[in-house]
Amino acid sequence: MSSSKVFQQNEIHSLYNDHHNWLYNWLLHKLGNSYDAADLAHDTFIRLIVSQQRTHTLGDNPRAFLTCIAKGLVIDHWRRQEIRKAYQETVASLQTHCTPSPEIQLSTLEALYQIDEMLQNLPARTRKIFFMAQLEGLTYRQISERNAISVATVKWHMRKAFIVCASLI
C-alpha cells in the first residue's frame, strides 16, 4: 500500500475519531431519532471516503465539510420520508382487495425514490418546465408564455427531461 493511501486512511480514521460524536449529535438534533442519526452519520463518512478518492483536501474546517455532506443526506432522508408517507396513505385508502402485496409496495417505493432522485438531478429550469407540463397540464405554448421563452426552448427542456425519464426504464 502506498504511503499516500496509508496517510489518507489515517487521516480519515483521525477525522472519524475527532468528529463522529459531534456529527451524530448534530444529526440527532436535526432528526430527533437516534437510529436515523447513526445511519446518516455512517453514510456521511462513507460519502467522505468516496469523495476523498477524487479530492485530497478537506480544507481548514472539516466540520463544515461534514456538515455539508450531512445536510444533503438529511434532505434526501426527509424527501424519502415524504414519499413513503404519501405512498402509504395512498395504499391505506385502497380497498382491501386492491392493496398491493408487500413486495410490490417495496418495489413501487424504490421506483418512486429513483424517480424523485432523477427529478431532483434535473437542472432547476428543466424540472420546473417538466412539472408545468406533467403536473399542471400546461401546453408548451402556455409554458413558453409564462416563462417568456420560445416553444422550441420548452421542447428542448422537455426532451431533456424525457431522456432522463427514459433512462429509468
N, C-alpha and C. Protein backbone atom coordinates (compact mmCIF):
# COMPACT_ATOMS: atom_id res chain seq x y z
N MET A 1 0.86 -1.18 0.00
CA MET A 1 0.00 0.00 0.00
C MET A 1 0.89 1.23 0.00
N SER A 2 0.53 2.20 -0.83
CA SER A 2 1.36 3.40 -0.94
C SER A 2 1.26 4.24 0.33
N SER A 3 2.28 5.05 0.55
CA SER A 3 2.29 5.88 1.76
C SER A 3 1.16 6.91 1.74
N SER A 4 0.76 7.38 0.55
CA SER A 4 -0.34 8.35 0.49
C SER A 4 -1.66 7.70 0.87
N LYS A 5 -1.86 6.42 0.50
CA LYS A 5 -3.08 5.70 0.89
C LYS A 5 -3.11 5.49 2.40
N VAL A 6 -1.98 5.15 2.99
CA VAL A 6 -1.90 4.96 4.44
C VAL A 6 -2.20 6.28 5.13
N PHE A 7 -1.60 7.37 4.62
CA PHE A 7 -1.86 8.68 5.20
C PHE A 7 -3.34 9.01 5.11
N GLN A 8 -3.95 8.74 3.94
CA GLN A 8 -5.36 9.05 3.75
C GLN A 8 -6.21 8.23 4.73
N GLN A 9 -5.90 6.96 4.90
CA GLN A 9 -6.65 6.13 5.85
C GLN A 9 -6.48 6.65 7.27
N ASN A 10 -5.27 7.02 7.63
CA ASN A 10 -5.02 7.56 8.97
C ASN A 10 -5.76 8.88 9.16
N GLU A 11 -5.77 9.71 8.12
CA GLU A 11 -6.46 11.00 8.20
C GLU A 11 -7.96 10.79 8.39
N ILE A 12 -8.56 9.87 7.65
CA ILE A 12 -9.99 9.59 7.78
C ILE A 12 -10.29 8.97 9.14
N HIS A 13 -9.44 8.07 9.58
CA HIS A 13 -9.61 7.45 10.91
C HIS A 13 -9.57 8.53 12.00
N SER A 14 -8.62 9.43 11.89
CA SER A 14 -8.50 10.52 12.87
C SER A 14 -9.72 11.44 12.79
N LEU A 15 -10.15 11.76 11.59
CA LEU A 15 -11.33 12.60 11.40
C LEU A 15 -12.56 11.95 12.03
N TYR A 16 -12.71 10.65 11.82
CA TYR A 16 -13.84 9.92 12.39
C TYR A 16 -13.79 9.98 13.91
N ASN A 17 -12.64 9.70 14.48
CA ASN A 17 -12.50 9.72 15.94
C ASN A 17 -12.75 11.11 16.52
N ASP A 18 -12.29 12.13 15.81
CA ASP A 18 -12.41 13.50 16.32
C ASP A 18 -13.81 14.09 16.16
N HIS A 19 -14.56 13.64 15.14
CA HIS A 19 -15.79 14.34 14.80
C HIS A 19 -17.05 13.48 14.75
N HIS A 20 -16.93 12.18 14.86
CA HIS A 20 -18.12 11.33 14.73
C HIS A 20 -19.17 11.64 15.79
N ASN A 21 -18.78 11.74 17.05
CA ASN A 21 -19.76 12.01 18.11
C ASN A 21 -20.43 13.36 17.91
N TRP A 22 -19.64 14.37 17.52
CA TRP A 22 -20.22 15.68 17.25
C TRP A 22 -21.25 15.58 16.11
N LEU A 23 -20.87 14.88 15.02
CA LEU A 23 -21.76 14.75 13.87
C LEU A 23 -23.02 13.98 14.25
N TYR A 24 -22.87 12.90 14.99
CA TYR A 24 -24.02 12.11 15.44
C TYR A 24 -24.98 12.99 16.24
N ASN A 25 -24.45 13.78 17.17
CA ASN A 25 -25.30 14.66 17.99
C ASN A 25 -25.97 15.75 17.14
N TRP A 26 -25.25 16.27 16.17
CA TRP A 26 -25.82 17.27 15.27
C TRP A 26 -26.99 16.66 14.49
N LEU A 27 -26.78 15.45 13.98
CA LEU A 27 -27.84 14.76 13.24
C LEU A 27 -29.00 14.37 14.15
N LEU A 28 -28.71 13.96 15.37
CA LEU A 28 -29.75 13.61 16.33
C LEU A 28 -30.64 14.82 16.60
N HIS A 29 -30.02 15.98 16.73
CA HIS A 29 -30.78 17.22 16.94
C HIS A 29 -31.67 17.51 15.72
N LYS A 30 -31.15 17.30 14.52
CA LYS A 30 -31.91 17.57 13.29
C LYS A 30 -33.04 16.57 13.09
N LEU A 31 -32.77 15.29 13.37
CA LEU A 31 -33.70 14.22 13.02
C LEU A 31 -34.59 13.78 14.18
N GLY A 32 -34.09 13.93 15.40
CA GLY A 32 -34.86 13.51 16.57
C GLY A 32 -34.98 12.00 16.70
N ASN A 33 -34.10 11.27 16.04
CA ASN A 33 -34.17 9.81 16.05
C ASN A 33 -32.75 9.26 16.04
N SER A 34 -32.41 8.50 17.07
CA SER A 34 -31.03 8.03 17.21
C SER A 34 -30.64 7.03 16.12
N TYR A 35 -31.60 6.22 15.66
CA TYR A 35 -31.27 5.24 14.61
C TYR A 35 -30.95 5.94 13.29
N ASP A 36 -31.78 6.89 12.91
CA ASP A 36 -31.53 7.63 11.67
C ASP A 36 -30.26 8.47 11.79
N ALA A 37 -30.03 9.05 12.96
CA ALA A 37 -28.81 9.85 13.17
C ALA A 37 -27.57 8.97 13.00
N ALA A 38 -27.60 7.78 13.56
CA ALA A 38 -26.46 6.86 13.44
C ALA A 38 -26.26 6.45 11.98
N ASP A 39 -27.35 6.14 11.28
CA ASP A 39 -27.25 5.75 9.87
C ASP A 39 -26.67 6.88 9.02
N LEU A 40 -27.17 8.09 9.22
CA LEU A 40 -26.71 9.20 8.40
C LEU A 40 -25.29 9.63 8.75
N ALA A 41 -24.90 9.48 10.01
CA ALA A 41 -23.50 9.77 10.39
C ALA A 41 -22.58 8.79 9.65
N HIS A 42 -22.98 7.53 9.64
CA HIS A 42 -22.22 6.50 8.93
C HIS A 42 -22.16 6.83 7.44
N ASP A 43 -23.31 7.16 6.85
CA ASP A 43 -23.36 7.49 5.43
C ASP A 43 -22.53 8.72 5.09
N THR A 44 -22.46 9.67 6.02
CA THR A 44 -21.66 10.87 5.80
C THR A 44 -20.19 10.50 5.64
N PHE A 45 -19.70 9.63 6.49
CA PHE A 45 -18.29 9.23 6.39
C PHE A 45 -18.04 8.37 5.16
N ILE A 46 -19.03 7.59 4.75
CA ILE A 46 -18.87 6.83 3.50
C ILE A 46 -18.75 7.80 2.33
N ARG A 47 -19.62 8.80 2.30
CA ARG A 47 -19.53 9.81 1.23
C ARG A 47 -18.18 10.53 1.27
N LEU A 48 -17.71 10.81 2.48
CA LEU A 48 -16.41 11.47 2.62
C LEU A 48 -15.31 10.61 2.01
N ILE A 49 -15.33 9.32 2.32
CA ILE A 49 -14.31 8.41 1.79
C ILE A 49 -14.38 8.37 0.27
N VAL A 50 -15.58 8.27 -0.28
CA VAL A 50 -15.74 8.24 -1.73
C VAL A 50 -15.25 9.54 -2.35
N SER A 51 -15.61 10.67 -1.74
CA SER A 51 -15.18 11.96 -2.29
C SER A 51 -13.68 12.15 -2.15
N GLN A 52 -13.09 11.57 -1.12
CA GLN A 52 -11.64 11.70 -0.91
C GLN A 52 -10.86 10.96 -1.99
N GLN A 53 -11.51 10.02 -2.67
CA GLN A 53 -10.84 9.34 -3.78
C GLN A 53 -10.68 10.27 -4.97
N ARG A 54 -11.50 11.33 -5.01
CA ARG A 54 -11.42 12.29 -6.11
C ARG A 54 -10.65 13.54 -5.71
N THR A 55 -10.76 13.95 -4.46
CA THR A 55 -10.07 15.15 -3.99
C THR A 55 -9.27 14.78 -2.75
N HIS A 56 -8.28 15.56 -2.46
CA HIS A 56 -7.41 15.20 -1.34
C HIS A 56 -7.40 16.24 -0.23
N THR A 57 -8.33 17.16 -0.23
CA THR A 57 -8.30 18.19 0.81
C THR A 57 -9.67 18.37 1.45
N LEU A 58 -9.66 18.56 2.74
CA LEU A 58 -10.88 18.85 3.48
C LEU A 58 -10.97 20.32 3.82
N GLY A 59 -9.93 21.04 3.54
CA GLY A 59 -9.91 22.45 3.90
C GLY A 59 -9.55 22.62 5.36
N ASP A 60 -9.73 23.83 5.86
CA ASP A 60 -9.36 24.14 7.23
C ASP A 60 -10.44 23.78 8.24
N ASN A 61 -11.65 23.51 7.76
CA ASN A 61 -12.76 23.26 8.67
C ASN A 61 -13.46 21.95 8.32
N PRO A 62 -12.96 20.83 8.84
CA PRO A 62 -13.56 19.54 8.48
C PRO A 62 -15.02 19.41 8.91
N ARG A 63 -15.41 20.09 10.00
CA ARG A 63 -16.82 20.01 10.42
C ARG A 63 -17.74 20.67 9.40
N ALA A 64 -17.27 21.72 8.78
CA ALA A 64 -18.08 22.37 7.73
C ALA A 64 -18.26 21.42 6.55
N PHE A 65 -17.21 20.70 6.21
CA PHE A 65 -17.28 19.73 5.12
C PHE A 65 -18.23 18.60 5.48
N LEU A 66 -18.11 18.07 6.70
CA LEU A 66 -19.00 17.00 7.16
C LEU A 66 -20.45 17.49 7.22
N THR A 67 -20.65 18.71 7.70
CA THR A 67 -22.00 19.27 7.79
C THR A 67 -22.62 19.41 6.41
N CYS A 68 -21.84 19.83 5.45
CA CYS A 68 -22.33 19.98 4.08
C CYS A 68 -22.80 18.63 3.54
N ILE A 69 -22.02 17.60 3.73
CA ILE A 69 -22.41 16.26 3.29
C ILE A 69 -23.65 15.81 4.04
N ALA A 70 -23.65 15.98 5.35
CA ALA A 70 -24.77 15.53 6.19
C ALA A 70 -26.06 16.26 5.84
N LYS A 71 -25.99 17.55 5.55
CA LYS A 71 -27.20 18.30 5.19
C LYS A 71 -27.85 17.71 3.94
N GLY A 72 -27.04 17.37 2.97
CA GLY A 72 -27.58 16.74 1.76
C GLY A 72 -28.25 15.42 2.07
N LEU A 73 -27.63 14.64 2.95
CA LEU A 73 -28.22 13.36 3.34
C LEU A 73 -29.51 13.55 4.12
N VAL A 74 -29.57 14.57 4.97
CA VAL A 74 -30.79 14.85 5.74
C VAL A 74 -31.92 15.24 4.79
N ILE A 75 -31.62 16.08 3.82
CA ILE A 75 -32.64 16.47 2.84
C ILE A 75 -33.14 15.25 2.09
N ASP A 76 -32.23 14.38 1.65
CA ASP A 76 -32.63 13.14 0.97
C ASP A 76 -33.50 12.28 1.89
N HIS A 77 -33.12 12.20 3.15
CA HIS A 77 -33.86 11.40 4.13
C HIS A 77 -35.28 11.93 4.29
N TRP A 78 -35.42 13.25 4.44
CA TRP A 78 -36.75 13.85 4.61
C TRP A 78 -37.60 13.65 3.35
N ARG A 79 -36.97 13.79 2.18
CA ARG A 79 -37.69 13.61 0.93
C ARG A 79 -38.20 12.18 0.83
N ARG A 80 -37.36 11.22 1.18
CA ARG A 80 -37.78 9.81 1.14
C ARG A 80 -38.93 9.56 2.12
N GLN A 81 -38.86 10.19 3.29
CA GLN A 81 -39.94 10.03 4.27
C GLN A 81 -41.25 10.57 3.71
N GLU A 82 -41.21 11.72 3.05
CA GLU A 82 -42.41 12.30 2.45
C GLU A 82 -42.99 11.38 1.38
N ILE A 83 -42.13 10.82 0.56
CA ILE A 83 -42.58 9.90 -0.49
C ILE A 83 -43.21 8.67 0.15
N ARG A 84 -42.53 8.11 1.14
CA ARG A 84 -43.03 6.91 1.82
C ARG A 84 -44.39 7.18 2.46
N LYS A 85 -44.52 8.32 3.13
CA LYS A 85 -45.78 8.67 3.80
C LYS A 85 -46.91 8.83 2.78
N ALA A 86 -46.64 9.55 1.69
CA ALA A 86 -47.68 9.75 0.67
C ALA A 86 -48.09 8.42 0.05
N TYR A 87 -47.13 7.56 -0.20
CA TYR A 87 -47.44 6.25 -0.78
C TYR A 87 -48.25 5.41 0.21
N GLN A 88 -47.85 5.40 1.48
CA GLN A 88 -48.57 4.62 2.48
C GLN A 88 -50.00 5.13 2.65
N GLU A 89 -50.20 6.44 2.58
CA GLU A 89 -51.55 6.99 2.66
C GLU A 89 -52.38 6.56 1.46
N THR A 90 -51.76 6.52 0.29
CA THR A 90 -52.47 6.08 -0.91
C THR A 90 -52.85 4.62 -0.80
N VAL A 91 -51.92 3.78 -0.36
CA VAL A 91 -52.21 2.35 -0.19
C VAL A 91 -53.30 2.15 0.85
N ALA A 92 -53.24 2.91 1.94
CA ALA A 92 -54.24 2.77 3.01
C ALA A 92 -55.63 3.16 2.52
N SER A 93 -55.70 4.05 1.54
CA SER A 93 -57.01 4.48 1.05
C SER A 93 -57.63 3.47 0.07
N LEU A 94 -56.85 2.49 -0.37
CA LEU A 94 -57.37 1.48 -1.29
C LEU A 94 -58.25 0.49 -0.56
N GLN A 95 -59.17 -0.09 -1.29
CA GLN A 95 -59.98 -1.16 -0.70
C GLN A 95 -59.07 -2.35 -0.46
N THR A 96 -59.39 -3.15 0.53
CA THR A 96 -58.53 -4.26 0.95
C THR A 96 -58.17 -5.18 -0.21
N HIS A 97 -59.10 -5.51 -1.07
CA HIS A 97 -58.80 -6.43 -2.17
C HIS A 97 -57.92 -5.80 -3.25
N CYS A 98 -57.72 -4.49 -3.20
CA CYS A 98 -56.88 -3.79 -4.18
C CYS A 98 -55.48 -3.49 -3.64
N THR A 99 -55.26 -3.76 -2.37
CA THR A 99 -53.98 -3.42 -1.74
C THR A 99 -52.87 -4.29 -2.32
N PRO A 100 -51.79 -3.67 -2.81
CA PRO A 100 -50.68 -4.45 -3.37
C PRO A 100 -49.95 -5.24 -2.28
N SER A 101 -49.29 -6.30 -2.70
CA SER A 101 -48.52 -7.12 -1.76
C SER A 101 -47.36 -6.31 -1.21
N PRO A 102 -46.80 -6.73 -0.08
CA PRO A 102 -45.63 -6.01 0.48
C PRO A 102 -44.47 -5.92 -0.51
N GLU A 103 -44.26 -6.97 -1.31
CA GLU A 103 -43.17 -6.95 -2.29
C GLU A 103 -43.40 -5.88 -3.35
N ILE A 104 -44.64 -5.79 -3.83
CA ILE A 104 -44.96 -4.77 -4.83
C ILE A 104 -44.88 -3.38 -4.22
N GLN A 105 -45.32 -3.25 -2.97
CA GLN A 105 -45.22 -1.95 -2.30
C GLN A 105 -43.77 -1.51 -2.20
N LEU A 106 -42.88 -2.44 -1.83
CA LEU A 106 -41.46 -2.11 -1.70
C LEU A 106 -40.86 -1.73 -3.05
N SER A 107 -41.16 -2.50 -4.08
CA SER A 107 -40.59 -2.18 -5.40
C SER A 107 -41.16 -0.86 -5.93
N THR A 108 -42.42 -0.57 -5.62
CA THR A 108 -43.01 0.70 -6.03
C THR A 108 -42.33 1.86 -5.31
N LEU A 109 -42.10 1.70 -4.01
CA LEU A 109 -41.40 2.75 -3.25
C LEU A 109 -40.00 2.99 -3.81
N GLU A 110 -39.29 1.93 -4.13
CA GLU A 110 -37.94 2.08 -4.69
C GLU A 110 -38.00 2.82 -6.03
N ALA A 111 -39.00 2.49 -6.85
CA ALA A 111 -39.15 3.20 -8.13
C ALA A 111 -39.46 4.68 -7.90
N LEU A 112 -40.31 4.96 -6.92
CA LEU A 112 -40.62 6.36 -6.60
C LEU A 112 -39.38 7.11 -6.13
N TYR A 113 -38.54 6.44 -5.33
CA TYR A 113 -37.29 7.07 -4.87
C TYR A 113 -36.39 7.39 -6.07
N GLN A 114 -36.30 6.45 -7.02
CA GLN A 114 -35.47 6.67 -8.21
C GLN A 114 -36.00 7.83 -9.05
N ILE A 115 -37.32 7.88 -9.22
CA ILE A 115 -37.92 8.97 -9.99
C ILE A 115 -37.66 10.30 -9.30
N ASP A 116 -37.83 10.34 -7.99
CA ASP A 116 -37.58 11.57 -7.24
C ASP A 116 -36.13 12.02 -7.40
N GLU A 117 -35.20 11.08 -7.27
CA GLU A 117 -33.79 11.42 -7.41
C GLU A 117 -33.49 11.95 -8.81
N MET A 118 -34.07 11.29 -9.80
CA MET A 118 -33.89 11.72 -11.18
C MET A 118 -34.41 13.14 -11.37
N LEU A 119 -35.60 13.42 -10.84
CA LEU A 119 -36.17 14.76 -10.98
C LEU A 119 -35.34 15.80 -10.24
N GLN A 120 -34.84 15.46 -9.07
CA GLN A 120 -34.02 16.41 -8.31
C GLN A 120 -32.70 16.70 -9.00
N ASN A 121 -32.22 15.76 -9.83
CA ASN A 121 -30.95 15.96 -10.53
C ASN A 121 -31.10 16.74 -11.83
N LEU A 122 -32.34 16.96 -12.27
CA LEU A 122 -32.54 17.79 -13.45
C LEU A 122 -32.17 19.24 -13.11
N PRO A 123 -31.69 19.99 -14.09
CA PRO A 123 -31.49 21.42 -13.85
C PRO A 123 -32.82 22.06 -13.42
N ALA A 124 -32.76 23.06 -12.57
CA ALA A 124 -33.97 23.65 -11.98
C ALA A 124 -34.97 24.10 -13.04
N ARG A 125 -34.51 24.74 -14.07
CA ARG A 125 -35.44 25.23 -15.10
C ARG A 125 -36.10 24.07 -15.85
N THR A 126 -35.33 23.05 -16.17
CA THR A 126 -35.88 21.88 -16.85
C THR A 126 -36.92 21.20 -15.96
N ARG A 127 -36.60 21.06 -14.69
CA ARG A 127 -37.53 20.44 -13.74
C ARG A 127 -38.83 21.25 -13.65
N LYS A 128 -38.70 22.58 -13.57
CA LYS A 128 -39.88 23.45 -13.48
C LYS A 128 -40.76 23.29 -14.71
N ILE A 129 -40.15 23.30 -15.89
CA ILE A 129 -40.91 23.17 -17.14
C ILE A 129 -41.55 21.79 -17.22
N PHE A 130 -40.83 20.76 -16.82
CA PHE A 130 -41.37 19.40 -16.82
C PHE A 130 -42.58 19.31 -15.90
N PHE A 131 -42.49 19.88 -14.70
CA PHE A 131 -43.62 19.87 -13.76
C PHE A 131 -44.81 20.65 -14.31
N MET A 132 -44.53 21.79 -14.95
CA MET A 132 -45.62 22.58 -15.51
C MET A 132 -46.40 21.77 -16.55
N ALA A 133 -45.69 21.01 -17.35
CA ALA A 133 -46.34 20.20 -18.38
C ALA A 133 -47.02 18.97 -17.79
N GLN A 134 -46.31 18.26 -16.92
CA GLN A 134 -46.81 16.97 -16.44
C GLN A 134 -47.77 17.08 -15.26
N LEU A 135 -47.54 18.01 -14.36
CA LEU A 135 -48.39 18.11 -13.17
C LEU A 135 -49.51 19.14 -13.32
N GLU A 136 -49.19 20.26 -13.98
CA GLU A 136 -50.20 21.30 -14.15
C GLU A 136 -50.98 21.14 -15.45
N GLY A 137 -50.47 20.29 -16.35
CA GLY A 137 -51.17 20.04 -17.61
C GLY A 137 -51.11 21.18 -18.60
N LEU A 138 -50.12 22.04 -18.47
CA LEU A 138 -50.00 23.19 -19.38
C LEU A 138 -49.46 22.73 -20.74
N THR A 139 -49.88 23.43 -21.78
CA THR A 139 -49.34 23.16 -23.11
C THR A 139 -47.96 23.81 -23.22
N TYR A 140 -47.22 23.41 -24.24
CA TYR A 140 -45.91 24.01 -24.45
C TYR A 140 -46.04 25.51 -24.69
N ARG A 141 -47.08 25.93 -25.42
CA ARG A 141 -47.30 27.36 -25.68
C ARG A 141 -47.54 28.10 -24.36
N GLN A 142 -48.38 27.54 -23.48
CA GLN A 142 -48.66 28.19 -22.19
C GLN A 142 -47.39 28.29 -21.36
N ILE A 143 -46.59 27.24 -21.37
CA ILE A 143 -45.33 27.26 -20.62
C ILE A 143 -44.40 28.33 -21.19
N SER A 144 -44.34 28.41 -22.51
CA SER A 144 -43.45 29.41 -23.13
C SER A 144 -43.89 30.82 -22.77
N GLU A 145 -45.19 31.05 -22.75
CA GLU A 145 -45.69 32.39 -22.40
C GLU A 145 -45.43 32.73 -20.94
N ARG A 146 -45.65 31.78 -20.05
CA ARG A 146 -45.43 32.04 -18.62
C ARG A 146 -43.96 32.28 -18.29
N ASN A 147 -43.07 31.67 -19.06
CA ASN A 147 -41.64 31.78 -18.76
C ASN A 147 -40.89 32.71 -19.71
N ALA A 148 -41.63 33.33 -20.63
CA ALA A 148 -41.04 34.24 -21.62
C ALA A 148 -39.89 33.58 -22.38
N ILE A 149 -40.17 32.36 -22.85
CA ILE A 149 -39.19 31.62 -23.66
C ILE A 149 -39.93 31.09 -24.89
N SER A 150 -39.17 30.65 -25.86
CA SER A 150 -39.80 30.13 -27.08
C SER A 150 -40.34 28.72 -26.85
N VAL A 151 -41.28 28.33 -27.70
CA VAL A 151 -41.81 26.97 -27.65
C VAL A 151 -40.68 25.97 -27.93
N ALA A 152 -39.76 26.34 -28.81
CA ALA A 152 -38.62 25.47 -29.11
C ALA A 152 -37.78 25.22 -27.86
N THR A 153 -37.62 26.24 -27.03
CA THR A 153 -36.87 26.07 -25.78
C THR A 153 -37.62 25.15 -24.82
N VAL A 154 -38.93 25.30 -24.76
CA VAL A 154 -39.74 24.41 -23.92
C VAL A 154 -39.56 22.97 -24.40
N LYS A 155 -39.63 22.77 -25.71
CA LYS A 155 -39.45 21.42 -26.28
C LYS A 155 -38.07 20.87 -25.93
N TRP A 156 -37.07 21.73 -25.99
CA TRP A 156 -35.70 21.29 -25.67
C TRP A 156 -35.63 20.79 -24.22
N HIS A 157 -36.21 21.56 -23.29
CA HIS A 157 -36.21 21.16 -21.88
C HIS A 157 -37.00 19.87 -21.68
N MET A 158 -38.14 19.76 -22.33
CA MET A 158 -38.96 18.56 -22.19
C MET A 158 -38.24 17.34 -22.75
N ARG A 159 -37.58 17.50 -23.89
CA ARG A 159 -36.82 16.40 -24.47
C ARG A 159 -35.73 15.95 -23.50
N LYS A 160 -35.06 16.92 -22.90
CA LYS A 160 -34.01 16.62 -21.92
C LYS A 160 -34.58 15.83 -20.74
N ALA A 161 -35.74 16.25 -20.23
CA ALA A 161 -36.38 15.56 -19.10
C ALA A 161 -36.83 14.16 -19.51
N PHE A 162 -37.40 14.02 -20.70
CA PHE A 162 -37.88 12.71 -21.14
C PHE A 162 -36.72 11.73 -21.36
N ILE A 163 -35.60 12.22 -21.81
CA ILE A 163 -34.43 11.35 -21.98
C ILE A 163 -34.00 10.80 -20.63
N VAL A 164 -33.99 11.66 -19.62
CA VAL A 164 -33.62 11.20 -18.27
C VAL A 164 -34.66 10.22 -17.75
N CYS A 165 -35.94 10.51 -17.98
CA CYS A 165 -37.01 9.59 -17.55
C CYS A 165 -36.87 8.23 -18.23
N ALA A 166 -36.56 8.25 -19.52
CA ALA A 166 -36.42 7.00 -20.27
C ALA A 166 -35.27 6.15 -19.74
N SER A 167 -34.29 6.79 -19.14
CA SER A 167 -33.15 6.03 -18.61
C SER A 167 -33.55 5.15 -17.43
N LEU A 168 -34.69 5.43 -16.82
CA LEU A 168 -35.17 4.61 -15.70
C LEU A 168 -35.85 3.33 -16.17
N ILE A 169 -36.24 3.31 -17.42
CA ILE A 169 -36.98 2.15 -17.94
C ILE A 169 -36.04 1.02 -18.27
